[in-house]
């Protein structure tokens, strides 16, 4: 339905776009994920699907479906992966780099499977398109500074708002919106310049 609706718009896609966040995608109602991922990006639909390894993808969508899902997605690899097939697949996607072994130049995995398996806590390996793999630091939303500051802010006075709405009166503005900082010295004119400076008028109205 969303895909059809987007195709009827002038741009040929949804605006604003649609986000489908499918946590535990294998455990929820079976959806044709491999079909959706094939052309969802061009229709203004972003799909974020979470699965525990390639084995779970094969179990839910078969070998061909799992391959399609793997090939049509950017990947965020979180700590805790122990599936050897998944580790090898991630390492293979990352490619190889040149290294020196004695007097020889050899190609070694850019991201070895053991490195993926031992990702530290709150780190993630990002694989996006043709870009080089990168390890980033992740932080839960509730642990971010903005969220913590928001939790510390005083909640609005709901009783005042409800009473005002019931009697159709104006809700009083908070104190910080009505208080005016002191302006002493701000609006005062500049201090008198000492006599004898060019352009200065003395008490008799003459210019020195």
N, C-alpha and C. Protein backbone atom coordinates (compact mmCIF):
# COMPACT_ATOMS: atom_id res chain seq x y z
N UNK A 1 0.83 -1.20 0.00
CA UNK A 1 0.00 0.00 0.00
C UNK A 1 0.87 1.26 0.00
N UNK A 2 1.91 1.30 0.86
CA UNK A 2 2.79 2.47 0.91
C UNK A 2 3.54 2.62 -0.41
N UNK A 3 3.98 1.51 -0.98
CA UNK A 3 4.70 1.56 -2.25
C UNK A 3 3.80 2.08 -3.35
N UNK A 4 2.55 1.63 -3.39
CA UNK A 4 1.61 2.09 -4.41
C UNK A 4 1.29 3.56 -4.23
N UNK A 5 1.13 3.98 -2.97
CA UNK A 5 0.83 5.38 -2.70
C UNK A 5 1.98 6.28 -3.14
N UNK A 6 3.22 5.83 -2.88
CA UNK A 6 4.37 6.62 -3.28
C UNK A 6 4.52 6.72 -4.79
N UNK A 7 4.21 5.64 -5.50
CA UNK A 7 4.36 5.64 -6.95
C UNK A 7 3.38 6.60 -7.62
N UNK A 8 2.30 6.98 -6.95
CA UNK A 8 1.32 7.89 -7.52
C UNK A 8 1.65 9.35 -7.28
N UNK A 9 2.68 9.62 -6.49
CA UNK A 9 3.06 11.00 -6.21
C UNK A 9 3.93 11.54 -7.34
N UNK A 10 4.06 12.87 -7.37
CA UNK A 10 4.82 13.51 -8.45
C UNK A 10 6.27 13.04 -8.49
N UNK A 11 6.88 12.87 -7.31
CA UNK A 11 8.28 12.45 -7.24
C UNK A 11 8.45 10.95 -7.40
N UNK A 12 7.33 10.21 -7.41
CA UNK A 12 7.41 8.77 -7.56
C UNK A 12 7.78 8.04 -6.29
N UNK A 13 7.75 8.73 -5.14
CA UNK A 13 8.06 8.10 -3.86
C UNK A 13 7.36 8.84 -2.73
N UNK A 14 7.32 8.21 -1.56
CA UNK A 14 6.64 8.82 -0.41
C UNK A 14 7.38 10.06 0.07
N UNK A 15 6.62 11.08 0.42
CA UNK A 15 7.19 12.30 0.98
C UNK A 15 6.18 12.86 1.98
N UNK A 16 6.45 12.81 3.30
CA UNK A 16 7.70 12.35 3.93
C UNK A 16 7.87 10.84 3.83
N UNK A 17 9.12 10.37 3.96
CA UNK A 17 9.39 8.94 3.81
C UNK A 17 8.82 8.12 4.97
N UNK A 18 8.75 6.82 4.75
CA UNK A 18 8.22 5.89 5.74
C UNK A 18 9.36 5.04 6.30
N UNK A 19 9.41 4.89 7.62
CA UNK A 19 10.41 4.05 8.28
C UNK A 19 9.72 2.80 8.82
N UNK A 20 10.24 1.63 8.45
CA UNK A 20 9.78 0.36 9.00
C UNK A 20 10.91 -0.20 9.87
N UNK A 21 10.76 -0.10 11.17
CA UNK A 21 11.76 -0.61 12.11
C UNK A 21 11.30 -1.99 12.58
N UNK A 22 11.92 -3.04 12.05
CA UNK A 22 11.50 -4.42 12.30
C UNK A 22 12.49 -5.09 13.24
N UNK A 23 12.31 -4.88 14.53
CA UNK A 23 13.15 -5.55 15.51
C UNK A 23 12.72 -7.02 15.61
N UNK A 24 13.71 -7.92 15.74
CA UNK A 24 13.43 -9.36 15.76
C UNK A 24 12.57 -9.74 14.55
N UNK A 25 13.08 -9.41 13.37
CA UNK A 25 12.30 -9.58 12.15
C UNK A 25 11.86 -11.03 11.94
N UNK A 26 12.64 -11.99 12.36
CA UNK A 26 12.27 -13.39 12.16
C UNK A 26 11.12 -13.79 13.08
N UNK A 27 10.98 -13.13 14.22
CA UNK A 27 9.99 -13.54 15.20
C UNK A 27 8.63 -12.89 14.98
N UNK A 28 8.59 -11.80 14.26
CA UNK A 28 7.31 -11.12 14.05
C UNK A 28 6.55 -11.81 12.91
N UNK A 29 5.42 -11.24 12.54
CA UNK A 29 4.61 -11.81 11.46
C UNK A 29 5.45 -11.88 10.19
N UNK A 30 5.41 -13.00 9.51
CA UNK A 30 6.22 -13.21 8.31
C UNK A 30 5.87 -12.18 7.25
N UNK A 31 6.88 -11.45 6.79
CA UNK A 31 6.69 -10.46 5.73
C UNK A 31 7.67 -10.78 4.60
N UNK A 32 7.33 -10.42 3.37
CA UNK A 32 8.25 -10.67 2.24
C UNK A 32 9.41 -9.68 2.24
N UNK A 33 10.27 -9.80 3.22
CA UNK A 33 11.34 -8.83 3.42
C UNK A 33 12.26 -8.75 2.21
N UNK A 34 12.57 -9.89 1.60
CA UNK A 34 13.48 -9.88 0.45
C UNK A 34 12.87 -9.13 -0.74
N UNK A 35 11.55 -9.14 -0.85
CA UNK A 35 10.87 -8.40 -1.92
C UNK A 35 10.83 -6.91 -1.60
N UNK A 36 10.52 -6.58 -0.36
CA UNK A 36 10.47 -5.18 0.03
C UNK A 36 11.81 -4.49 -0.15
N UNK A 37 12.90 -5.17 0.25
CA UNK A 37 14.22 -4.55 0.22
C UNK A 37 14.72 -4.33 -1.20
N UNK A 38 14.18 -5.05 -2.15
CA UNK A 38 14.69 -4.96 -3.52
C UNK A 38 14.51 -3.57 -4.11
N UNK A 39 13.40 -2.87 -3.78
CA UNK A 39 13.16 -1.56 -4.39
C UNK A 39 12.57 -0.55 -3.43
N UNK A 40 12.66 -0.80 -2.12
CA UNK A 40 12.01 0.11 -1.16
C UNK A 40 12.68 1.47 -1.11
N UNK A 41 14.02 1.51 -1.24
CA UNK A 41 14.73 2.79 -1.11
C UNK A 41 14.28 3.79 -2.16
N UNK A 42 14.02 3.33 -3.37
CA UNK A 42 13.60 4.23 -4.43
C UNK A 42 12.17 4.70 -4.30
N UNK A 43 11.42 4.14 -3.34
CA UNK A 43 10.02 4.52 -3.14
C UNK A 43 9.81 5.30 -1.85
N UNK A 44 10.90 5.76 -1.24
CA UNK A 44 10.77 6.54 -0.01
C UNK A 44 10.47 5.71 1.21
N UNK A 45 10.87 4.43 1.19
CA UNK A 45 10.62 3.53 2.32
C UNK A 45 11.97 3.04 2.85
N UNK A 46 12.27 3.33 4.09
CA UNK A 46 13.49 2.87 4.73
C UNK A 46 13.17 1.71 5.67
N UNK A 47 13.86 0.60 5.49
CA UNK A 47 13.61 -0.59 6.30
C UNK A 47 14.83 -0.88 7.17
N UNK A 48 14.60 -0.98 8.46
CA UNK A 48 15.65 -1.37 9.41
C UNK A 48 15.21 -2.70 10.01
N UNK A 49 15.88 -3.77 9.63
CA UNK A 49 15.52 -5.11 10.10
C UNK A 49 16.65 -5.67 10.96
N UNK A 50 16.29 -6.28 12.07
CA UNK A 50 17.26 -6.85 13.00
C UNK A 50 17.14 -8.37 12.97
N UNK A 51 18.27 -9.05 12.78
CA UNK A 51 18.29 -10.52 12.77
C UNK A 51 19.57 -10.99 13.46
N UNK A 52 19.51 -12.20 13.98
CA UNK A 52 20.65 -12.77 14.71
C UNK A 52 21.40 -13.74 13.79
N UNK A 53 22.13 -13.20 12.84
CA UNK A 53 22.99 -14.02 12.01
C UNK A 53 22.32 -14.50 10.73
N UNK A 54 23.16 -15.06 9.85
CA UNK A 54 22.67 -15.55 8.57
C UNK A 54 21.78 -16.77 8.73
N UNK A 55 22.05 -17.58 9.76
CA UNK A 55 21.23 -18.75 9.99
C UNK A 55 19.77 -18.40 10.20
N UNK A 56 19.52 -17.35 10.93
CA UNK A 56 18.14 -16.92 11.17
C UNK A 56 17.49 -16.40 9.90
N UNK A 57 18.27 -15.73 9.06
CA UNK A 57 17.73 -15.27 7.78
C UNK A 57 17.36 -16.45 6.89
N UNK A 58 18.22 -17.46 6.86
CA UNK A 58 17.93 -18.64 6.02
C UNK A 58 16.71 -19.38 6.55
N UNK A 59 16.59 -19.44 7.84
CA UNK A 59 15.44 -20.13 8.43
C UNK A 59 14.13 -19.43 8.09
N UNK A 60 14.17 -18.12 8.07
CA UNK A 60 12.94 -17.36 7.84
C UNK A 60 12.60 -17.15 6.38
N UNK A 61 13.62 -16.98 5.53
CA UNK A 61 13.35 -16.63 4.14
C UNK A 61 14.04 -17.55 3.13
N UNK A 62 14.61 -18.65 3.60
CA UNK A 62 15.26 -19.58 2.69
C UNK A 62 16.63 -19.08 2.26
N UNK A 63 17.38 -19.95 1.58
CA UNK A 63 18.75 -19.60 1.17
C UNK A 63 18.75 -18.44 0.18
N UNK A 64 17.87 -18.49 -0.82
CA UNK A 64 17.83 -17.41 -1.81
C UNK A 64 17.34 -16.10 -1.21
N UNK A 65 16.32 -16.18 -0.35
CA UNK A 65 15.81 -14.97 0.29
C UNK A 65 16.85 -14.34 1.20
N UNK A 66 17.57 -15.18 1.95
CA UNK A 66 18.62 -14.66 2.84
C UNK A 66 19.72 -13.98 2.03
N UNK A 67 20.08 -14.58 0.87
CA UNK A 67 21.11 -13.97 0.02
C UNK A 67 20.65 -12.62 -0.51
N UNK A 68 19.36 -12.52 -0.88
CA UNK A 68 18.83 -11.25 -1.37
C UNK A 68 18.85 -10.19 -0.28
N UNK A 69 18.43 -10.57 0.92
CA UNK A 69 18.45 -9.63 2.05
C UNK A 69 19.87 -9.16 2.34
N UNK A 70 20.83 -10.08 2.32
CA UNK A 70 22.23 -9.75 2.59
C UNK A 70 22.78 -8.81 1.53
N UNK A 71 22.40 -9.02 0.27
CA UNK A 71 22.97 -8.23 -0.82
C UNK A 71 22.33 -6.86 -0.97
N UNK A 72 21.13 -6.65 -0.47
CA UNK A 72 20.40 -5.40 -0.69
C UNK A 72 20.37 -4.49 0.52
N UNK A 73 21.19 -4.77 1.51
CA UNK A 73 21.17 -3.96 2.74
C UNK A 73 22.55 -3.45 3.10
N UNK A 74 22.58 -2.27 3.73
CA UNK A 74 23.75 -1.86 4.49
C UNK A 74 23.71 -2.60 5.82
N UNK A 75 24.85 -2.83 6.42
CA UNK A 75 24.91 -3.72 7.58
C UNK A 75 25.52 -3.02 8.78
N UNK A 76 24.89 -3.23 9.92
CA UNK A 76 25.41 -2.78 11.21
C UNK A 76 25.63 -4.04 12.05
N UNK A 77 26.88 -4.40 12.26
CA UNK A 77 27.22 -5.61 12.99
C UNK A 77 27.50 -5.24 14.44
N UNK A 78 26.68 -5.76 15.35
CA UNK A 78 26.82 -5.48 16.77
C UNK A 78 27.66 -6.57 17.45
N UNK A 79 28.17 -6.31 18.65
CA UNK A 79 28.96 -7.32 19.36
C UNK A 79 28.14 -8.57 19.67
N UNK A 80 28.82 -9.69 19.79
CA UNK A 80 28.17 -10.92 20.20
C UNK A 80 27.94 -11.91 19.09
N UNK A 81 28.37 -11.64 17.86
CA UNK A 81 28.17 -12.57 16.75
C UNK A 81 29.15 -13.75 16.91
N UNK A 82 28.60 -14.97 16.89
CA UNK A 82 29.45 -16.17 17.00
C UNK A 82 29.21 -17.15 15.86
N UNK A 83 28.24 -16.87 15.00
CA UNK A 83 27.96 -17.73 13.85
C UNK A 83 29.15 -17.66 12.89
N UNK A 84 29.82 -18.80 12.68
CA UNK A 84 31.04 -18.80 11.85
C UNK A 84 30.74 -18.38 10.42
N UNK A 85 29.60 -18.82 9.87
CA UNK A 85 29.25 -18.42 8.51
C UNK A 85 29.07 -16.91 8.41
N UNK A 86 28.42 -16.34 9.40
CA UNK A 86 28.20 -14.89 9.40
C UNK A 86 29.53 -14.15 9.55
N UNK A 87 30.40 -14.62 10.42
CA UNK A 87 31.70 -13.98 10.62
C UNK A 87 32.52 -14.01 9.34
N UNK A 88 32.52 -15.15 8.66
CA UNK A 88 33.26 -15.27 7.40
C UNK A 88 32.65 -14.37 6.33
N UNK A 89 31.32 -14.29 6.29
CA UNK A 89 30.67 -13.45 5.30
C UNK A 89 31.00 -11.98 5.52
N UNK A 90 30.98 -11.53 6.77
CA UNK A 90 31.31 -10.14 7.08
C UNK A 90 32.76 -9.86 6.70
N UNK A 91 33.66 -10.76 7.04
CA UNK A 91 35.07 -10.58 6.70
C UNK A 91 35.26 -10.53 5.20
N UNK A 92 34.52 -11.38 4.46
CA UNK A 92 34.65 -11.37 3.01
C UNK A 92 34.16 -10.08 2.39
N UNK A 93 33.08 -9.50 2.92
CA UNK A 93 32.56 -8.24 2.39
C UNK A 93 33.56 -7.11 2.60
N UNK A 94 34.31 -7.16 3.67
CA UNK A 94 35.27 -6.10 3.98
C UNK A 94 36.49 -6.13 3.07
N UNK A 95 36.74 -7.25 2.40
CA UNK A 95 37.85 -7.33 1.46
C UNK A 95 39.19 -7.58 2.12
N UNK A 96 40.24 -7.33 1.37
CA UNK A 96 41.60 -7.59 1.84
C UNK A 96 42.46 -6.34 1.71
N UNK A 97 43.60 -6.37 2.41
CA UNK A 97 44.60 -5.30 2.34
C UNK A 97 45.97 -5.95 2.18
N UNK A 98 46.90 -5.18 1.65
CA UNK A 98 48.26 -5.68 1.47
C UNK A 98 49.02 -5.60 2.78
N UNK A 99 49.81 -6.63 3.04
CA UNK A 99 50.64 -6.67 4.25
C UNK A 99 51.97 -7.31 3.91
N UNK A 100 52.95 -7.06 4.75
CA UNK A 100 54.29 -7.61 4.55
C UNK A 100 54.47 -8.83 5.43
N UNK A 101 54.88 -9.93 4.82
CA UNK A 101 55.16 -11.16 5.55
C UNK A 101 56.58 -11.59 5.22
N UNK A 102 57.49 -11.24 6.09
CA UNK A 102 58.90 -11.47 5.77
C UNK A 102 59.33 -10.52 4.67
N UNK A 103 59.72 -11.09 3.53
CA UNK A 103 60.10 -10.28 2.39
C UNK A 103 59.02 -10.28 1.31
N UNK A 104 57.88 -10.83 1.61
CA UNK A 104 56.81 -10.94 0.63
C UNK A 104 55.67 -9.99 0.95
N UNK A 105 54.97 -9.59 -0.09
CA UNK A 105 53.74 -8.81 0.06
C UNK A 105 52.57 -9.75 -0.14
N UNK A 106 51.70 -9.83 0.84
CA UNK A 106 50.57 -10.75 0.78
C UNK A 106 49.28 -9.98 1.05
N UNK A 107 48.16 -10.59 0.67
CA UNK A 107 46.84 -10.03 0.92
C UNK A 107 46.24 -10.72 2.14
N UNK A 108 45.81 -9.92 3.12
CA UNK A 108 45.20 -10.44 4.34
C UNK A 108 43.83 -9.80 4.52
N UNK A 109 42.93 -10.43 5.25
CA UNK A 109 41.60 -9.83 5.47
C UNK A 109 41.71 -8.46 6.15
N UNK A 110 40.97 -7.50 5.61
CA UNK A 110 40.95 -6.18 6.24
C UNK A 110 40.30 -6.24 7.62
N UNK A 111 39.29 -7.09 7.76
CA UNK A 111 38.61 -7.28 9.04
C UNK A 111 38.52 -8.79 9.28
N UNK A 112 39.45 -9.36 10.04
CA UNK A 112 39.42 -10.81 10.28
C UNK A 112 38.17 -11.23 11.04
N UNK A 113 37.71 -12.45 10.86
CA UNK A 113 36.53 -12.93 11.59
C UNK A 113 36.69 -12.81 13.10
N UNK A 114 37.90 -13.05 13.61
CA UNK A 114 38.11 -12.95 15.06
C UNK A 114 37.90 -11.52 15.56
N UNK A 115 38.22 -10.54 14.73
CA UNK A 115 38.02 -9.14 15.12
C UNK A 115 36.52 -8.85 15.26
N UNK A 116 35.72 -9.36 14.31
CA UNK A 116 34.27 -9.14 14.37
C UNK A 116 33.68 -9.80 15.61
N UNK A 117 34.14 -11.01 15.90
CA UNK A 117 33.61 -11.74 17.06
C UNK A 117 33.93 -11.03 18.37
N UNK A 118 35.06 -10.33 18.41
CA UNK A 118 35.49 -9.71 19.66
C UNK A 118 35.25 -8.21 19.68
N UNK A 119 34.27 -7.74 18.95
CA UNK A 119 33.94 -6.31 19.01
C UNK A 119 33.65 -5.91 20.46
N UNK A 120 34.22 -4.80 20.91
CA UNK A 120 33.97 -4.37 22.29
C UNK A 120 32.52 -3.95 22.49
N UNK A 121 32.15 -3.87 23.73
CA UNK A 121 30.81 -3.44 24.10
C UNK A 121 30.57 -2.02 23.61
N UNK A 122 29.37 -1.78 23.12
CA UNK A 122 28.94 -0.48 22.60
C UNK A 122 29.79 -0.03 21.42
N UNK A 123 30.20 -0.96 20.61
CA UNK A 123 30.84 -0.68 19.33
C UNK A 123 30.09 -1.41 18.24
N UNK A 124 30.15 -0.91 17.03
CA UNK A 124 29.47 -1.55 15.91
C UNK A 124 30.32 -1.40 14.66
N UNK A 125 30.29 -2.41 13.83
CA UNK A 125 30.98 -2.39 12.55
C UNK A 125 29.96 -2.01 11.47
N UNK A 126 30.25 -0.95 10.73
CA UNK A 126 29.33 -0.44 9.72
C UNK A 126 29.85 -0.81 8.33
N UNK A 127 28.98 -1.44 7.54
CA UNK A 127 29.29 -1.77 6.15
C UNK A 127 28.24 -1.10 5.28
N UNK A 128 28.66 -0.10 4.52
CA UNK A 128 27.72 0.66 3.70
C UNK A 128 28.24 0.80 2.28
N UNK A 129 27.50 0.21 1.35
CA UNK A 129 27.82 0.35 -0.06
C UNK A 129 29.26 0.00 -0.37
N UNK A 130 29.91 0.89 -1.12
CA UNK A 130 31.31 0.66 -1.51
C UNK A 130 32.29 1.39 -0.61
N UNK A 131 31.81 1.86 0.54
CA UNK A 131 32.69 2.57 1.47
C UNK A 131 33.50 1.57 2.29
N UNK A 132 34.62 2.04 2.81
CA UNK A 132 35.46 1.19 3.65
C UNK A 132 34.74 0.89 4.96
N UNK A 133 34.94 -0.30 5.52
CA UNK A 133 34.30 -0.62 6.81
C UNK A 133 34.84 0.29 7.91
N UNK A 134 34.00 0.58 8.87
CA UNK A 134 34.40 1.46 9.97
C UNK A 134 33.73 0.98 11.25
N UNK A 135 34.45 1.08 12.36
CA UNK A 135 33.93 0.75 13.68
C UNK A 135 33.55 2.05 14.37
N UNK A 136 32.32 2.13 14.85
CA UNK A 136 31.83 3.34 15.50
C UNK A 136 31.40 3.02 16.92
N UNK A 137 31.31 4.06 17.73
CA UNK A 137 30.80 3.93 19.08
C UNK A 137 29.31 4.19 19.07
N UNK A 138 28.55 3.34 19.70
CA UNK A 138 27.10 3.52 19.78
C UNK A 138 26.72 3.76 21.24
N UNK A 139 25.63 4.48 21.42
CA UNK A 139 25.18 4.82 22.77
C UNK A 139 23.66 4.73 22.80
N UNK A 140 23.09 4.05 23.78
CA UNK A 140 21.62 3.98 23.87
C UNK A 140 21.02 5.38 23.97
N UNK A 141 19.82 5.52 23.43
CA UNK A 141 19.18 6.83 23.42
C UNK A 141 19.04 7.40 24.82
N UNK A 142 18.73 6.52 25.80
CA UNK A 142 18.51 7.02 27.16
C UNK A 142 19.82 7.42 27.86
N UNK A 143 20.97 7.07 27.27
CA UNK A 143 22.25 7.42 27.88
C UNK A 143 22.88 8.65 27.25
N UNK A 144 22.25 9.20 26.22
CA UNK A 144 22.79 10.37 25.57
C UNK A 144 22.58 11.62 26.42
N UNK A 145 23.46 12.59 26.25
CA UNK A 145 23.41 13.79 27.08
C UNK A 145 22.10 14.54 26.91
N UNK A 146 21.61 14.64 25.67
CA UNK A 146 20.37 15.37 25.43
C UNK A 146 19.22 14.73 26.18
N UNK A 147 19.16 13.39 26.16
CA UNK A 147 18.08 12.71 26.86
C UNK A 147 18.19 12.89 28.36
N UNK A 148 19.41 12.85 28.89
CA UNK A 148 19.57 13.02 30.34
C UNK A 148 19.20 14.43 30.78
N UNK A 149 19.57 15.43 29.98
CA UNK A 149 19.19 16.80 30.31
C UNK A 149 17.68 16.99 30.23
N UNK A 150 17.06 16.31 29.27
CA UNK A 150 15.61 16.43 29.11
C UNK A 150 14.89 15.82 30.31
N UNK A 151 15.42 14.72 30.83
CA UNK A 151 14.80 14.09 31.99
C UNK A 151 14.94 14.95 33.24
N UNK A 152 16.03 15.75 33.30
CA UNK A 152 16.24 16.59 34.47
C UNK A 152 15.40 17.86 34.43
N UNK A 153 14.88 18.22 33.26
CA UNK A 153 14.07 19.44 33.15
C UNK A 153 12.76 19.28 33.92
N UNK A 154 12.29 20.38 34.50
CA UNK A 154 11.05 20.33 35.27
C UNK A 154 9.87 20.09 34.34
N UNK A 155 8.98 19.15 34.66
CA UNK A 155 7.81 18.90 33.82
C UNK A 155 6.84 20.08 33.88
N UNK A 156 6.03 20.29 32.84
CA UNK A 156 5.07 21.39 32.86
C UNK A 156 4.00 21.17 33.92
N UNK A 157 3.41 22.27 34.38
CA UNK A 157 2.35 22.21 35.37
C UNK A 157 1.05 21.85 34.66
N UNK A 158 0.69 20.57 34.65
CA UNK A 158 -0.48 20.12 33.91
C UNK A 158 -1.78 20.60 34.54
N UNK A 159 -1.80 20.75 35.86
CA UNK A 159 -3.02 21.20 36.52
C UNK A 159 -3.40 22.60 36.05
N UNK A 160 -2.41 23.48 35.94
CA UNK A 160 -2.69 24.84 35.47
C UNK A 160 -3.19 24.82 34.04
N UNK A 161 -2.54 23.99 33.21
CA UNK A 161 -2.95 23.92 31.81
C UNK A 161 -4.36 23.37 31.66
N UNK A 162 -4.69 22.34 32.44
CA UNK A 162 -6.03 21.75 32.35
C UNK A 162 -7.10 22.71 32.85
N UNK A 163 -6.81 23.41 33.96
CA UNK A 163 -7.77 24.38 34.47
C UNK A 163 -8.02 25.50 33.46
N UNK A 164 -6.95 25.96 32.84
CA UNK A 164 -7.10 27.04 31.85
C UNK A 164 -7.90 26.57 30.65
N UNK A 165 -7.67 25.33 30.24
CA UNK A 165 -8.41 24.81 29.09
C UNK A 165 -9.88 24.64 29.43
N UNK A 166 -10.19 24.24 30.67
CA UNK A 166 -11.58 24.03 31.07
C UNK A 166 -12.36 25.34 31.08
N UNK A 167 -11.70 26.42 31.50
CA UNK A 167 -12.39 27.71 31.59
C UNK A 167 -12.11 28.60 30.38
N UNK A 168 -11.42 28.03 29.38
CA UNK A 168 -11.12 28.76 28.15
C UNK A 168 -10.38 30.06 28.46
N UNK A 169 -9.38 29.96 29.30
CA UNK A 169 -8.58 31.13 29.65
C UNK A 169 -7.17 30.93 29.11
N UNK A 170 -6.43 32.01 29.14
CA UNK A 170 -5.07 31.96 28.62
C UNK A 170 -4.14 31.30 29.63
N UNK A 171 -3.31 30.39 29.16
CA UNK A 171 -2.36 29.72 30.04
C UNK A 171 -1.23 30.68 30.37
N UNK A 172 -0.95 30.88 31.65
CA UNK A 172 0.12 31.83 32.01
C UNK A 172 1.46 31.36 31.48
N UNK A 173 2.26 32.32 31.04
CA UNK A 173 3.58 32.00 30.52
C UNK A 173 4.51 31.65 31.67
N UNK A 174 5.48 30.79 31.43
CA UNK A 174 6.44 30.45 32.49
C UNK A 174 7.29 31.65 32.87
N UNK A 175 7.89 31.55 34.04
CA UNK A 175 8.66 32.68 34.54
C UNK A 175 9.81 33.10 33.66
N UNK A 176 10.49 32.08 33.07
CA UNK A 176 11.66 32.42 32.26
C UNK A 176 11.29 33.20 31.00
N UNK A 177 10.00 33.07 30.56
CA UNK A 177 9.58 33.76 29.34
C UNK A 177 9.18 35.20 29.61
N UNK A 178 8.84 35.54 30.87
CA UNK A 178 8.37 36.89 31.19
C UNK A 178 9.41 37.72 31.92
N UNK A 179 10.39 37.09 32.52
CA UNK A 179 11.40 37.85 33.27
C UNK A 179 12.32 38.59 32.30
N UNK A 180 12.70 39.80 32.69
CA UNK A 180 13.59 40.63 31.87
C UNK A 180 14.87 40.87 32.64
N UNK A 181 16.01 40.58 32.05
CA UNK A 181 17.27 40.81 32.77
C UNK A 181 17.49 42.30 33.01
N UNK A 182 18.23 42.61 34.06
CA UNK A 182 18.53 44.00 34.36
C UNK A 182 19.26 44.70 33.24
N UNK A 183 18.86 45.95 32.95
CA UNK A 183 19.47 46.70 31.86
C UNK A 183 20.28 47.88 32.38
N UNK A 184 20.61 47.86 33.68
CA UNK A 184 21.37 48.97 34.25
C UNK A 184 22.70 49.09 33.54
N UNK A 185 22.97 50.25 33.01
CA UNK A 185 24.23 50.49 32.34
C UNK A 185 24.22 50.10 30.88
N UNK A 186 23.21 49.33 30.45
CA UNK A 186 23.17 48.91 29.04
C UNK A 186 22.65 50.03 28.16
N UNK A 187 21.59 50.74 28.65
CA UNK A 187 20.98 51.80 27.86
C UNK A 187 21.59 53.16 28.13
N UNK A 188 22.50 53.25 29.09
CA UNK A 188 23.12 54.54 29.39
C UNK A 188 24.05 54.94 28.26
N UNK A 189 24.22 56.25 28.04
CA UNK A 189 25.10 56.74 26.98
C UNK A 189 26.55 56.49 27.31
N UNK A 190 27.42 56.65 26.35
CA UNK A 190 28.85 56.43 26.59
C UNK A 190 29.40 57.44 27.58
N UNK A 191 30.42 57.05 28.27
CA UNK A 191 31.06 57.93 29.25
C UNK A 191 31.66 59.14 28.54
N UNK A 192 31.66 60.27 29.26
CA UNK A 192 32.19 61.51 28.69
C UNK A 192 33.67 61.34 28.40
N UNK A 193 34.09 61.79 27.22
CA UNK A 193 35.50 61.70 26.84
C UNK A 193 36.28 62.82 27.52
N UNK A 194 37.53 62.64 27.81
CA UNK A 194 38.33 63.71 28.44
C UNK A 194 38.50 64.88 27.50
N UNK A 195 38.61 66.07 28.08
CA UNK A 195 38.76 67.28 27.28
C UNK A 195 40.03 67.29 26.48
N UNK A 196 40.03 68.05 25.37
CA UNK A 196 41.22 68.19 24.57
C UNK A 196 41.32 67.19 23.45
N UNK A 197 40.41 66.15 23.38
CA UNK A 197 40.49 65.19 22.29
C UNK A 197 39.83 65.77 21.05
N UNK A 198 40.33 65.47 19.85
CA UNK A 198 39.72 65.99 18.62
C UNK A 198 38.26 65.57 18.53
N UNK A 199 37.42 66.53 18.14
CA UNK A 199 36.00 66.24 17.98
C UNK A 199 35.22 66.33 19.26
N UNK A 200 35.84 66.62 20.42
CA UNK A 200 35.14 66.69 21.68
C UNK A 200 34.59 68.07 21.91
N UNK A 201 33.30 68.16 22.28
CA UNK A 201 32.70 69.46 22.61
C UNK A 201 32.83 69.70 24.09
N UNK A 202 33.34 70.88 24.39
CA UNK A 202 33.45 71.20 25.81
C UNK A 202 32.14 71.80 26.31
N UNK A 203 32.15 72.23 27.55
CA UNK A 203 30.92 72.73 28.16
C UNK A 203 30.36 73.96 27.48
N UNK A 204 31.16 74.74 26.75
CA UNK A 204 30.69 75.95 26.11
C UNK A 204 30.18 75.71 24.68
N UNK A 205 30.17 74.42 24.24
CA UNK A 205 29.64 74.12 22.93
C UNK A 205 30.64 74.26 21.82
N UNK A 206 31.89 74.56 22.12
CA UNK A 206 32.92 74.69 21.08
C UNK A 206 33.63 73.35 20.93
N UNK A 207 34.14 73.13 19.74
CA UNK A 207 34.83 71.86 19.45
C UNK A 207 36.33 72.08 19.54
N UNK A 208 36.96 71.20 20.31
CA UNK A 208 38.42 71.34 20.48
C UNK A 208 39.13 70.83 19.25
